[in-house]
Amino acid sequence: MTANIQGIQADLRGAKLDGWLFYDFRGRDPIAQHILNLPNGMRTRRWYYFVPAKGDPKKLVHKIEAESLAALPGDTLYYAGQHELHKNLKKMLGRAKKVAMQYSPKNEIPYVAMVDAGTVELVRGAGPKVVSSADLVQKYEACWSAEQTESHFSAGVIIDRIVSGAFEHAAKCVREKIALTEYDLKQWILKEFEAAGIWAEEGPDIAVNAHASDPHYGPTAESAAPIGEGDLLLLDVWGKKKTPGSVYYDVTWMSYLGARVPEKYAKVFTVVREARDKAVDLIRTHVAKGKPLQGWQVDQAARRVIEKAGYGKYFFHRTGHSIGEKVHGNGANMDGLETHDARHLIPHTCNSVEPGIYLPEFGVRTEVNVYIDEDEARVTGAVQDEILALLS
């Protein structure tokens, strides 16, 4: 597959940019390599590839690696020494006044900040203003094909079933007084994954009580707590089908090993549920109306609900993340806390919405996935409205 140069140029014109300058040194920018569909090869020196909004692309490579960008269209300029590099970089950029690079002002979106500060200074010195390629990147890195969308929905059906089965298994073990730890339940889920053709790089995260206060807690055989009657149980489960190009489904559910959920747990869950629903409704409304929406705005909507309820300091991560072939994708994150994600939510992308409250003695989180189409946004799987009482 060759790089979609015409598509890139159309997007550049739509964004009123003069070009997109790709740059890499020893594989530091996997985004550039993926978007340009570069085959494996020896690239030990700096290379530049400039796609103008109009006209033919240009390459700038070191003379001892003259064929390093041979797979890409366009004329080639060469350099050996620094002076020649600077001269030909300026020649390649021509009269361009505004070019995109994998750069983020003040590193506000570190997921696309692949170009070092010195190279940005070098490009600015050649004439053009450098702006972030963040919104362009997600068009090529985060948008799903029809096949990927189907893989997400079909994986979701399987994973929702396995999550439900995991709760049933935990309840059965407690009722029958069979020893079960967080790690044991993790292994049970992974066996179900294998049988169903689902795979994940790591996880799932299984946590009871205070362990659920650590958003990235992952049980090991040594650290796992027993699961017993009266425990609050969190399952954060993600996975995808074992087919090339498939994308993840990622959810978090809460349960209580008892007949009735204590008020202290139900109260906190109500707050995170309202925060989740506020964020989802904001996405749905903006997409339906065709109004631009940025990731940080979704985070703000959820965070205000939690802050108003008095739990603001206990919600210390972003509201959600992009989902793709990796569980944390390269699209817009729902984040105004850890970063200021000003990328727009665009069609054919998917993200999690997962607010949480993490008190010292227990943590509560709910997580759904929201897929954005051309004119609507929808939650892609089952939605939890209350903590499940497993022994009722």
Protein backbone atom coordinates (compact mmCIF):
# COMPACT_ATOMS: atom_id res chain seq x y z
CA MET A 1 0.00 0.00 0.00
CA THR A 2 1.38 3.43 -0.95
CA ALA A 3 0.96 6.67 0.96
CA ASN A 4 -2.29 8.53 0.28
CA ILE A 5 -0.64 11.68 -1.02
CA GLN A 6 -3.75 13.06 -2.77
CA GLY A 7 -5.83 12.56 0.37
CA ILE A 8 -3.20 14.30 2.48
CA GLN A 9 -3.08 17.22 0.07
CA ALA A 10 -6.87 17.60 0.12
CA ASP A 11 -6.78 17.67 3.93
CA LEU A 12 -3.99 20.24 3.90
CA ARG A 13 -6.01 22.53 1.64
CA GLY A 14 -9.04 22.08 3.87
CA ALA A 15 -6.95 23.09 6.89
CA LYS A 16 -5.43 26.04 4.99
CA LEU A 17 -1.91 24.69 5.43
CA ASP A 18 0.90 24.93 2.90
CA GLY A 19 2.22 21.46 3.60
CA TRP A 20 3.00 18.63 5.99
CA LEU A 21 6.66 18.04 6.78
CA PHE A 22 7.47 14.51 7.94
CA TYR A 23 10.77 14.05 9.71
CA ASP A 24 12.45 11.14 11.44
CA PHE A 25 15.72 10.08 12.98
CA ARG A 26 16.28 6.42 13.84
CA GLY A 27 12.63 5.54 14.12
CA ARG A 28 11.65 8.17 16.65
CA ASP A 29 8.42 8.96 14.80
CA PRO A 30 6.35 5.83 14.22
CA ILE A 31 3.43 8.06 13.17
CA ALA A 32 5.37 9.29 10.12
CA GLN A 33 6.41 5.79 9.17
CA HIS A 34 2.85 4.47 9.48
CA ILE A 35 1.10 7.30 7.59
CA LEU A 36 3.64 7.17 4.79
CA ASN A 37 3.52 3.35 4.70
CA LEU A 38 7.32 3.21 4.71
CA PRO A 39 8.75 -0.28 4.28
CA ASN A 40 11.50 -1.45 6.59
CA GLY A 41 14.93 -0.20 5.57
CA MET A 42 18.18 1.32 6.76
CA ARG A 43 17.54 4.87 7.91
CA THR A 44 20.26 5.86 10.32
CA ARG A 45 20.48 9.50 9.18
CA ARG A 46 17.87 12.26 9.36
CA TRP A 47 15.31 12.28 6.59
CA TYR A 48 12.59 14.75 5.61
CA TYR A 49 9.56 14.30 3.39
CA PHE A 50 7.50 17.33 2.43
CA VAL A 51 3.95 16.98 1.09
CA PRO A 52 2.78 20.38 -0.19
CA ALA A 53 -0.89 21.30 -0.37
CA LYS A 54 -0.38 21.58 -4.14
CA GLY A 55 2.32 20.14 -6.35
CA ASP A 56 4.68 17.22 -6.03
CA PRO A 57 6.22 15.99 -2.76
CA LYS A 58 9.95 16.33 -2.14
CA LYS A 59 12.46 14.21 -0.22
CA LEU A 60 15.63 15.20 1.60
CA VAL A 61 17.96 12.34 2.53
CA HIS A 62 21.62 11.75 3.36
CA LYS A 63 23.88 10.86 0.43
CA ILE A 64 24.94 7.53 1.95
CA GLU A 65 21.25 6.57 2.30
CA ALA A 66 20.13 7.88 -1.07
CA GLU A 67 17.45 5.21 -1.50
CA SER A 68 15.99 5.40 2.01
CA LEU A 69 12.76 7.04 0.76
CA ALA A 70 12.69 5.37 -2.66
CA ALA A 71 9.22 3.95 -1.96
CA LEU A 72 7.73 7.45 -1.81
CA PRO A 73 6.89 9.67 -4.81
CA GLY A 74 8.66 12.95 -5.47
CA ASP A 75 12.04 14.38 -6.40
CA THR A 76 14.97 13.88 -4.06
CA LEU A 77 17.40 16.40 -2.58
CA TYR A 78 20.56 15.21 -0.85
CA TYR A 79 22.87 16.37 1.90
CA ALA A 80 26.08 15.30 3.56
CA GLY A 81 27.17 18.18 5.79
CA GLN A 82 24.99 20.42 7.96
CA HIS A 83 25.33 23.41 5.66
CA GLU A 84 24.00 21.38 2.75
CA LEU A 85 21.17 20.06 4.92
CA HIS A 86 20.08 23.58 5.90
CA LYS A 87 20.32 24.87 2.33
CA ASN A 88 18.30 22.02 0.82
CA LEU A 89 15.72 22.03 3.59
CA LYS A 90 15.01 25.66 2.76
CA LYS A 91 14.90 24.80 -0.94
CA MET A 92 12.48 21.91 -0.32
CA LEU A 93 10.07 24.07 1.70
CA GLY A 94 10.11 26.81 -0.94
CA ARG A 95 7.56 29.56 -0.25
CA ALA A 96 5.56 27.59 2.30
CA LYS A 97 4.44 29.86 5.13
CA LYS A 98 2.64 27.38 7.42
CA VAL A 99 3.54 23.69 7.67
CA ALA A 100 2.34 20.92 9.96
CA MET A 101 4.72 18.66 11.85
CA GLN A 102 4.41 16.07 14.64
CA TYR A 103 4.77 18.89 17.14
CA SER A 104 2.60 20.08 20.02
CA PRO A 105 2.91 23.60 21.49
CA LYS A 106 4.07 23.27 25.12
CA ASN A 107 3.77 19.50 24.63
CA GLU A 108 0.04 19.72 25.42
CA ILE A 109 -0.63 16.64 23.28
CA PRO A 110 2.46 14.48 23.89
CA TYR A 111 1.03 11.62 21.83
CA VAL A 112 1.91 13.50 18.63
CA ALA A 113 4.98 15.39 19.90
CA MET A 114 7.54 13.28 18.03
CA VAL A 115 9.73 16.05 16.60
CA ASP A 116 12.49 17.43 18.83
CA ALA A 117 12.65 21.13 19.68
CA GLY A 118 15.88 21.65 17.75
CA THR A 119 14.38 20.37 14.50
CA VAL A 120 11.36 22.65 14.96
CA GLU A 121 13.79 25.55 15.39
CA LEU A 122 15.64 24.48 12.25
CA VAL A 123 12.45 24.40 10.18
CA ARG A 124 11.31 27.76 11.52
CA GLY A 125 14.71 29.15 10.58
CA ALA A 126 14.07 28.02 7.02
CA GLY A 127 11.01 30.29 6.82
CA PRO A 128 7.66 28.70 7.62
CA LYS A 129 5.62 28.72 10.79
CA VAL A 130 5.34 25.24 12.32
CA VAL A 131 1.92 24.13 13.56
CA SER A 132 0.73 20.88 15.09
CA SER A 133 -0.31 17.99 12.84
CA ALA A 134 -2.47 16.59 15.67
CA ASP A 135 -5.83 16.83 13.90
CA LEU A 136 -4.32 15.57 10.64
CA VAL A 137 -2.72 12.61 12.39
CA GLN A 138 -5.95 11.28 13.80
CA LYS A 139 -7.53 11.29 10.34
CA TYR A 140 -4.92 8.73 9.27
CA GLU A 141 -4.21 7.00 12.58
CA ALA A 142 -7.57 6.85 14.40
CA CYS A 143 -10.34 6.51 11.81
CA TRP A 144 -11.79 3.01 11.49
CA SER A 145 -12.66 1.18 8.32
CA ALA A 146 -16.01 -0.61 8.02
CA GLU A 147 -14.23 -3.89 8.80
CA GLN A 148 -12.62 -2.46 11.91
CA THR A 149 -15.94 -1.07 13.12
CA GLU A 150 -17.52 -4.49 12.74
CA SER A 151 -14.61 -6.09 14.62
CA HIS A 152 -15.19 -3.71 17.54
CA PHE A 153 -18.91 -4.43 17.79
CA SER A 154 -18.49 -8.19 17.48
CA ALA A 155 -15.68 -8.21 20.07
CA GLY A 156 -17.94 -6.16 22.33
CA VAL A 157 -20.68 -8.78 22.28
CA ILE A 158 -18.17 -11.44 23.32
CA ILE A 159 -16.47 -9.34 25.99
CA ASP A 160 -19.77 -8.21 27.53
CA ARG A 161 -20.70 -11.89 27.80
CA ILE A 162 -17.37 -12.78 29.39
CA VAL A 163 -17.63 -9.92 31.91
CA SER A 164 -21.10 -11.13 32.90
CA GLY A 165 -19.75 -14.67 33.18
CA ALA A 166 -16.86 -13.49 35.35
CA PHE A 167 -19.28 -11.93 37.83
CA GLU A 168 -21.29 -15.14 37.88
CA HIS A 169 -18.13 -17.16 38.46
CA ALA A 170 -17.09 -14.90 41.37
CA ALA A 171 -20.54 -15.17 42.94
CA LYS A 172 -20.53 -18.98 42.58
CA CYS A 173 -17.13 -19.26 44.25
CA VAL A 174 -18.24 -17.08 47.17
CA ARG A 175 -21.49 -18.98 47.62
CA GLU A 176 -19.72 -22.34 47.52
CA LYS A 177 -16.78 -21.08 49.63
CA ILE A 178 -14.27 -21.84 46.87
CA ALA A 179 -11.06 -19.81 47.22
CA LEU A 180 -10.80 -17.13 44.51
CA THR A 181 -8.31 -14.26 44.20
CA GLU A 182 -8.17 -11.29 41.85
CA TYR A 183 -5.44 -13.11 39.93
CA ASP A 184 -7.53 -16.28 39.70
CA LEU A 185 -10.41 -14.31 38.18
CA LYS A 186 -8.01 -12.66 35.74
CA GLN A 187 -6.84 -16.09 34.59
CA TRP A 188 -10.46 -17.24 34.24
CA ILE A 189 -11.18 -14.30 31.93
CA LEU A 190 -8.04 -14.91 29.86
CA LYS A 191 -9.06 -18.55 29.32
CA GLU A 192 -12.46 -17.34 28.13
CA PHE A 193 -10.69 -14.90 25.80
CA GLU A 194 -8.63 -17.70 24.29
CA ALA A 195 -11.67 -19.89 23.74
CA ALA A 196 -13.56 -17.02 22.07
CA GLY A 197 -10.73 -15.78 19.82
CA ILE A 198 -10.16 -12.57 21.80
CA TRP A 199 -6.70 -11.17 22.56
CA ALA A 200 -5.20 -8.30 24.57
CA GLU A 201 -1.63 -7.08 25.01
CA GLU A 202 -2.09 -7.08 28.78
CA GLY A 203 -4.76 -7.05 31.48
CA PRO A 204 -7.50 -7.36 32.46
CA ASP A 205 -7.45 -5.33 35.68
CA ILE A 206 -9.34 -7.06 38.48
CA ALA A 207 -9.56 -5.20 41.78
CA VAL A 208 -11.44 -5.40 45.07
CA ASN A 209 -11.97 -2.67 47.66
CA ALA A 210 -8.84 -0.51 48.14
CA HIS A 211 -7.13 -2.08 45.12
CA ALA A 212 -9.87 -0.48 43.00
CA SER A 213 -8.51 2.91 44.14
CA ASP A 214 -5.51 2.33 41.86
CA PRO A 215 -6.82 2.95 38.30
CA HIS A 216 -4.06 0.81 36.76
CA TYR A 217 -3.93 -1.93 39.35
CA GLY A 218 -3.15 -5.29 37.79
CA PRO A 219 -3.14 -8.34 40.05
CA THR A 220 -0.23 -10.76 40.13
CA ALA A 221 -0.13 -14.13 41.82
CA GLU A 222 1.84 -12.48 44.64
CA SER A 223 -0.16 -9.25 45.06
CA ALA A 224 -3.70 -10.53 44.50
CA ALA A 225 -6.28 -10.13 47.23
CA PRO A 226 -8.91 -12.79 47.92
CA ILE A 227 -12.43 -12.13 46.66
CA GLY A 228 -15.02 -12.74 49.33
CA GLU A 229 -18.45 -11.83 50.62
CA GLY A 230 -18.85 -8.11 51.27
CA ASP A 231 -16.22 -7.07 48.71
CA LEU A 232 -16.60 -4.38 46.06
CA LEU A 233 -15.30 -5.82 42.77
CA LEU A 234 -14.11 -3.82 39.73
CA LEU A 235 -13.50 -5.44 36.34
CA ASP A 236 -11.66 -3.39 33.70
CA VAL A 237 -11.61 -5.63 30.63
CA TRP A 238 -10.37 -4.89 27.12
CA GLY A 239 -9.66 -7.01 24.10
CA LYS A 240 -9.95 -7.43 20.35
CA LYS A 241 -10.45 -10.21 17.84
CA LYS A 242 -7.45 -12.18 16.61
CA THR A 243 -7.69 -10.84 13.06
CA PRO A 244 -5.34 -8.38 11.33
CA GLY A 245 -6.41 -4.75 11.74
CA SER A 246 -8.99 -5.46 14.43
CA VAL A 247 -9.64 -2.79 17.08
CA TYR A 248 -10.26 -2.91 20.80
CA TYR A 249 -13.36 -2.90 22.96
CA ASP A 250 -12.71 -1.60 26.50
CA VAL A 251 -15.17 -1.49 29.42
CA THR A 252 -15.26 -1.28 33.21
CA TRP A 253 -18.02 -2.72 35.39
CA MET A 254 -18.61 -2.75 39.15
CA SER A 255 -20.24 -5.35 41.41
CA TYR A 256 -20.73 -6.12 45.09
CA LEU A 257 -20.43 -9.57 46.62
CA GLY A 258 -23.57 -9.33 48.68
CA ALA A 259 -27.35 -9.19 48.54
CA ARG A 260 -27.62 -5.41 48.70
CA VAL A 261 -25.15 -2.73 47.65
CA PRO A 262 -24.17 -0.53 50.63
CA GLU A 263 -25.18 3.13 50.33
CA LYS A 264 -21.55 4.34 50.51
CA TYR A 265 -20.80 2.49 47.26
CA ALA A 266 -24.10 3.28 45.53
CA LYS A 267 -23.73 6.99 46.29
CA VAL A 268 -20.31 7.25 44.66
CA PHE A 269 -21.38 5.15 41.68
CA THR A 270 -24.33 7.47 41.07
CA VAL A 271 -21.91 10.39 40.75
CA VAL A 272 -19.59 8.66 38.28
CA ARG A 273 -22.58 7.40 36.29
CA GLU A 274 -23.94 10.94 36.01
CA ALA A 275 -20.49 12.20 34.94
CA ARG A 276 -20.29 9.46 32.31
CA ASP A 277 -23.75 10.22 30.99
CA LYS A 278 -23.07 13.97 30.89
CA ALA A 279 -19.99 13.36 28.74
CA VAL A 280 -21.78 10.91 26.44
CA ASP A 281 -24.73 13.28 26.00
CA LEU A 282 -22.38 16.14 25.12
CA ILE A 283 -20.76 14.03 22.38
CA ARG A 284 -24.12 12.86 21.05
CA THR A 285 -25.57 16.38 20.96
CA HIS A 286 -22.60 17.97 19.19
CA VAL A 287 -22.30 15.21 16.61
CA ALA A 288 -26.04 15.30 15.86
CA LYS A 289 -25.88 19.07 15.34
CA GLY A 290 -22.64 18.97 13.39
CA LYS A 291 -20.95 21.23 15.96
CA PRO A 292 -17.18 20.94 16.49
CA LEU A 293 -16.17 19.37 19.80
CA GLN A 294 -12.72 18.98 21.32
CA GLY A 295 -11.49 16.29 23.68
CA TRP A 296 -10.86 18.60 26.63
CA GLN A 297 -14.48 19.80 26.51
CA VAL A 298 -15.77 16.26 27.07
CA ASP A 299 -13.41 15.87 30.02
CA GLN A 300 -14.61 19.17 31.46
CA ALA A 301 -18.27 18.12 31.26
CA ALA A 302 -17.65 14.92 33.23
CA ARG A 303 -15.23 16.53 35.70
CA ARG A 304 -17.66 19.29 36.66
CA VAL A 305 -20.21 16.70 37.80
CA ILE A 306 -17.67 15.03 40.06
CA GLU A 307 -16.32 18.33 41.37
CA LYS A 308 -19.82 19.60 42.15
CA ALA A 309 -20.43 16.44 44.21
CA GLY A 310 -17.30 17.20 46.24
CA TYR A 311 -15.07 14.44 44.88
CA GLY A 312 -12.89 16.48 42.51
CA LYS A 313 -9.54 15.60 44.09
CA TYR A 314 -10.39 11.90 43.85
CA PHE A 315 -10.73 11.97 40.05
CA PHE A 316 -7.14 12.23 38.93
CA HIS A 317 -7.04 10.88 35.38
CA ARG A 318 -8.52 11.93 32.03
CA THR A 319 -12.14 11.06 31.26
CA GLY A 320 -11.33 8.86 28.28
CA HIS A 321 -8.91 7.79 25.58
CA SER A 322 -8.88 7.08 21.87
CA ILE A 323 -9.40 3.43 20.93
CA GLY A 324 -7.81 1.73 17.94
CA GLU A 325 -5.61 -1.22 17.03
CA LYS A 326 -3.96 -0.46 20.35
CA VAL A 327 -6.24 0.01 23.31
CA HIS A 328 -4.89 3.56 23.66
CA GLY A 329 -5.08 4.92 20.12
CA ASN A 330 -3.73 8.02 18.37
CA GLY A 331 -6.99 9.95 18.17
CA ALA A 332 -8.40 12.62 20.46
CA ASN A 333 -8.42 11.81 24.16
CA MET A 334 -11.12 13.12 26.49
CA ASP A 335 -8.56 15.09 28.45
CA GLY A 336 -8.37 18.53 29.97
CA LEU A 337 -6.45 17.44 33.06
CA GLU A 338 -3.29 15.51 32.19
CA THR A 339 -3.04 17.35 28.86
CA HIS A 340 -5.12 19.93 27.02
CA ASP A 341 -6.37 17.84 24.12
CA ALA A 342 -7.69 20.32 21.59
CA ARG A 343 -8.10 17.71 18.85
CA HIS A 344 -11.59 17.54 17.40
CA LEU A 345 -13.79 14.46 17.63
CA ILE A 346 -14.20 13.32 14.03
CA PRO A 347 -16.28 10.67 12.23
CA HIS A 348 -15.23 7.01 12.28
CA THR A 349 -13.33 7.31 15.56
CA CYS A 350 -14.05 5.76 18.93
CA ASN A 351 -13.12 6.68 22.47
CA SER A 352 -13.73 5.51 25.99
CA VAL A 353 -15.66 7.55 28.54
CA GLU A 354 -14.55 6.36 31.98
CA PRO A 355 -14.79 8.77 34.91
CA GLY A 356 -13.82 7.44 38.32
CA ILE A 357 -13.66 8.37 41.99
CA TYR A 358 -10.80 6.83 43.96
CA LEU A 359 -11.19 7.12 47.71
CA PRO A 360 -8.54 5.65 50.03
CA GLU A 361 -10.71 2.70 51.05
CA PHE A 362 -12.32 1.93 47.68
CA GLY A 363 -12.53 3.09 44.08
CA VAL A 364 -15.43 3.29 41.63
CA ARG A 365 -15.29 3.63 37.84
CA THR A 366 -17.69 3.08 34.96
CA GLU A 367 -16.55 2.85 31.34
CA VAL A 368 -18.27 2.73 27.98
CA ASN A 369 -17.05 3.14 24.40
CA VAL A 370 -18.53 5.83 22.14
CA TYR A 371 -18.30 5.47 18.36
CA ILE A 372 -18.74 8.57 16.23
CA ASP A 373 -20.32 8.27 12.79
CA GLU A 374 -21.07 10.96 10.22
CA ASP A 375 -24.17 12.27 11.98
CA GLU A 376 -24.52 10.35 15.24
CA ALA A 377 -22.55 9.04 18.21
CA ARG A 378 -23.53 5.91 20.06
CA VAL A 379 -22.40 3.73 22.94
CA THR A 380 -21.24 0.46 21.43
CA GLY A 381 -22.14 -2.03 24.17
CA ALA A 382 -24.04 -2.67 27.36
CA VAL A 383 -24.32 0.24 29.81
CA GLN A 384 -24.19 -0.16 33.59
CA ASP A 385 -26.77 1.85 35.54
CA GLU A 386 -26.06 0.56 39.07
CA ILE A 387 -23.57 -1.61 40.90
CA LEU A 388 -24.54 -5.25 40.50
CA ALA A 389 -25.47 -7.09 43.71
CA LEU A 390 -24.11 -10.56 42.97
CA LEU A 391 -25.59 -12.48 45.90
CA SER A 392 -29.18 -11.21 45.71
